[in-house]
Amino acid sequence: MGIINQGILGGFSGKVGPIVGFHWKSKYYIRARAAKVSNPRTPKQQEQRGKFATAFSFLKAIKHFIRIGYKEFTQEKPAFNAAMSYTLKRAVTGNGKETSIDFNRALVSIGTLMPAFEGTATQNEDQMYFNWQDNSGMGNAEDTDIAMYWCITKIKKQPFTIRKPPYVPVVMPYCNFRLTSRTMN
């Protein structure tokens, strides 16, 4: 049963015959009711579901970064959806059950801001060091820009966030964090 919220010309939610109405992001939408699928689980469907699950589990672990890093890129869709689309198209590799994230192609943020200039990350025992050249004044980089840090363990091949928002202001081009056994194992 459909419910009309604002009279005959207002949006509605629910089912009315073959039409489904719903509310999303302050707008009302209608679409045809989805056809019933008996879920045949073809090899192509299983491959796509595996890719989707791989991308989702990767992005879920860094969702705090995604919300900020894809904010400028999203237009009408949520930042997580934009990141999911990018990751599925460009960073998920493999076929069938053997899918993985190509971390060299994965992006935590996308937009027009200048990236870190000559950035490096090194580890010395339980310390992680991030270094970069100060590029303030080059392009649209400013000395008030904020840095976001994240790492991926080689053992688990899973990301872990060093800090959740608020992020560290870039005062000088150097930062280090102590890694714990919880983040390394």
Protein backbone atom coordinates (compact mmCIF):
# COMPACT_ATOMS: atom_id res chain seq x y z
CA MET A 1 0.00 0.00 0.00
CA GLY A 2 1.32 3.44 -0.95
CA ILE A 3 1.11 6.45 1.35
CA ILE A 4 0.66 9.95 -0.12
CA ASN A 5 2.42 12.49 2.11
CA GLN A 6 1.45 15.86 0.56
CA GLY A 7 -1.83 15.41 -1.28
CA ILE A 8 -2.44 14.14 -4.80
CA LEU A 9 0.55 16.00 -6.30
CA GLY A 10 3.01 15.16 -3.49
CA GLY A 11 5.47 12.29 -3.37
CA PHE A 12 4.48 8.89 -2.06
CA SER A 13 6.17 5.89 -0.52
CA GLY A 14 5.23 2.26 -0.84
CA LYS A 15 3.77 0.10 -3.63
CA VAL A 16 0.86 1.04 -5.86
CA GLY A 17 0.29 -1.61 -8.51
CA PRO A 18 3.53 -2.08 -10.50
CA ILE A 19 5.04 1.20 -9.15
CA VAL A 20 7.18 1.74 -6.04
CA GLY A 21 7.61 5.20 -4.50
CA PHE A 22 10.40 6.14 -2.11
CA HIS A 23 12.07 9.14 -0.47
CA TRP A 24 15.85 9.65 -0.70
CA LYS A 25 17.98 12.74 -0.04
CA SER A 26 14.97 15.06 0.40
CA LYS A 27 13.40 14.00 -2.92
CA TYR A 28 10.64 11.59 -3.86
CA TYR A 29 11.24 9.00 -6.58
CA ILE A 30 9.15 6.36 -8.32
CA ARG A 31 10.26 3.31 -10.24
CA ALA A 32 8.89 0.06 -11.55
CA ARG A 33 8.73 -2.77 -9.08
CA ALA A 34 11.74 -5.07 -9.41
CA ALA A 35 11.22 -8.32 -11.24
CA LYS A 36 11.49 -11.45 -9.13
CA VAL A 37 14.82 -13.20 -9.54
CA SER A 38 15.21 -16.82 -8.64
CA ASN A 39 18.90 -16.12 -7.86
CA PRO A 40 20.49 -18.49 -10.38
CA ARG A 41 24.02 -17.70 -9.11
CA THR A 42 25.66 -17.82 -12.50
CA PRO A 43 29.48 -17.68 -12.61
CA LYS A 44 29.35 -14.03 -13.73
CA GLN A 45 27.01 -13.11 -10.86
CA GLN A 46 29.26 -14.86 -8.35
CA GLU A 47 32.31 -13.06 -9.75
CA GLN A 48 30.61 -9.66 -9.49
CA ARG A 49 29.38 -10.40 -5.96
CA GLY A 50 32.93 -11.38 -4.96
CA LYS A 51 34.31 -8.11 -6.36
CA PHE A 52 31.59 -6.13 -4.60
CA ALA A 53 32.28 -7.85 -1.25
CA THR A 54 36.04 -7.22 -1.59
CA ALA A 55 35.56 -3.52 -2.38
CA PHE A 56 32.97 -3.09 0.37
CA SER A 57 35.10 -4.66 3.12
CA PHE A 58 38.09 -2.52 2.09
CA LEU A 59 36.13 0.75 2.01
CA LYS A 60 34.19 0.01 5.19
CA ALA A 61 37.46 -0.03 7.14
CA ILE A 62 38.34 3.50 5.94
CA LYS A 63 34.86 5.05 5.76
CA HIS A 64 35.92 8.07 7.87
CA PHE A 65 38.50 8.93 5.21
CA ILE A 66 36.12 8.24 2.34
CA ARG A 67 33.48 10.65 3.65
CA ILE A 68 35.99 13.49 3.56
CA GLY A 69 38.20 12.38 0.67
CA TYR A 70 35.37 11.90 -1.86
CA LYS A 71 33.16 14.79 -0.68
CA GLU A 72 34.14 17.10 -3.57
CA PHE A 73 33.83 14.32 -6.17
CA THR A 74 30.35 13.04 -5.34
CA GLN A 75 27.89 15.46 -7.03
CA GLU A 76 24.53 13.79 -6.34
CA LYS A 77 25.58 10.49 -4.75
CA PRO A 78 27.01 9.79 -1.29
CA ALA A 79 30.81 9.77 -0.93
CA PHE A 80 30.86 6.05 -0.07
CA ASN A 81 28.98 5.19 -3.28
CA ALA A 82 31.42 7.28 -5.36
CA ALA A 83 34.36 5.49 -3.71
CA MET A 84 32.70 2.11 -4.29
CA SER A 85 32.22 2.90 -7.98
CA TYR A 86 35.84 4.01 -8.39
CA THR A 87 37.22 1.03 -6.47
CA LEU A 88 35.15 -1.53 -8.41
CA LYS A 89 36.19 -0.06 -11.77
CA ARG A 90 39.88 0.52 -11.07
CA ALA A 91 41.23 -1.16 -7.94
CA VAL A 92 39.58 -4.60 -7.64
CA THR A 93 41.59 -7.29 -9.40
CA GLY A 94 41.15 -11.01 -9.95
CA ASN A 95 38.32 -13.30 -10.97
CA GLY A 96 35.80 -15.44 -9.15
CA LYS A 97 36.69 -16.08 -5.53
CA GLU A 98 40.25 -14.82 -6.02
CA THR A 99 39.58 -11.08 -5.89
CA SER A 100 41.75 -8.55 -4.11
CA ILE A 101 42.45 -4.83 -3.90
CA ASP A 102 45.35 -3.44 -5.93
CA PHE A 103 46.51 -0.94 -3.29
CA ASN A 104 48.61 0.98 -5.82
CA ARG A 105 45.42 1.88 -7.69
CA ALA A 106 43.08 2.44 -4.72
CA LEU A 107 42.27 6.05 -3.82
CA VAL A 108 41.25 7.34 -0.40
CA SER A 109 40.49 10.78 -1.78
CA ILE A 110 39.89 12.34 -5.14
CA GLY A 111 39.59 15.97 -6.12
CA THR A 112 41.51 19.04 -7.12
CA LEU A 113 43.76 19.54 -4.06
CA MET A 114 47.47 19.08 -4.72
CA PRO A 115 48.80 15.77 -3.34
CA ALA A 116 51.72 15.55 -0.92
CA PHE A 117 54.92 16.58 -2.67
CA GLU A 118 57.67 13.91 -2.56
CA GLY A 119 55.85 12.03 0.21
CA THR A 120 57.44 9.05 1.93
CA ALA A 121 56.35 6.64 4.65
CA THR A 122 58.87 4.56 6.55
CA GLN A 123 58.72 2.23 9.51
CA ASN A 124 61.37 1.79 12.18
CA GLU A 125 60.39 -0.90 14.69
CA ASP A 126 57.11 0.31 16.21
CA GLN A 127 57.22 3.83 14.71
CA MET A 128 55.69 4.94 11.42
CA TYR A 129 57.13 8.12 9.88
CA PHE A 130 55.44 10.29 7.26
CA ASN A 131 57.53 12.93 5.49
CA TRP A 132 56.85 15.31 2.61
CA GLN A 133 58.17 18.50 1.09
CA ASP A 134 56.23 21.65 1.95
CA ASN A 135 54.35 22.56 -1.22
CA SER A 136 52.42 25.51 0.19
CA GLY A 137 51.73 28.04 -2.55
CA MET A 138 52.08 25.49 -5.38
CA GLY A 139 48.79 25.21 -7.26
CA ASN A 140 46.00 25.28 -4.70
CA ALA A 141 48.08 23.92 -1.76
CA GLU A 142 48.05 26.11 1.34
CA ASP A 143 49.81 25.98 4.68
CA THR A 144 46.45 25.43 6.41
CA ASP A 145 45.71 22.14 4.57
CA ILE A 146 44.89 19.07 6.67
CA ALA A 147 46.65 15.71 6.28
CA MET A 148 44.94 12.31 6.55
CA TYR A 149 47.09 9.29 7.42
CA TRP A 150 46.31 5.62 6.98
CA CYS A 151 48.31 2.43 6.61
CA ILE A 152 47.80 -1.09 5.27
CA THR A 153 49.33 -4.07 7.01
CA LYS A 154 51.27 -6.32 4.66
CA ILE A 155 50.26 -9.40 6.65
CA LYS A 156 46.50 -8.86 6.69
CA LYS A 157 46.37 -6.66 3.60
CA GLN A 158 43.74 -4.68 5.47
CA PRO A 159 43.81 -0.95 6.15
CA PHE A 160 43.79 0.46 9.63
CA THR A 161 43.30 4.06 10.52
CA ILE A 162 45.83 5.75 12.70
CA ARG A 163 43.44 8.52 13.72
CA LYS A 164 39.82 9.24 13.17
CA PRO A 165 38.66 12.82 12.57
CA PRO A 166 39.64 15.48 13.50
CA TYR A 167 42.82 15.17 11.45
CA VAL A 168 46.26 16.54 12.16
CA PRO A 169 46.90 20.06 10.83
CA VAL A 170 49.95 20.25 8.56
CA VAL A 171 52.18 22.62 10.50
CA MET A 172 55.48 21.19 9.38
CA PRO A 173 56.05 18.51 6.74
CA TYR A 174 56.75 15.68 9.17
CA CYS A 175 54.65 13.42 11.36
CA ASN A 176 55.14 10.12 13.19
CA PHE A 177 52.89 7.65 15.01
CA ARG A 178 53.58 4.73 17.34
CA LEU A 179 52.26 1.42 16.03
CA THR A 180 50.88 -1.04 18.56
CA SER A 181 50.66 -4.82 18.41
CA ARG A 182 46.91 -4.38 17.84
CA THR A 183 47.49 -2.48 14.61
CA MET A 184 50.32 -4.68 13.38
CA ASN A 185 48.76 -8.13 13.94
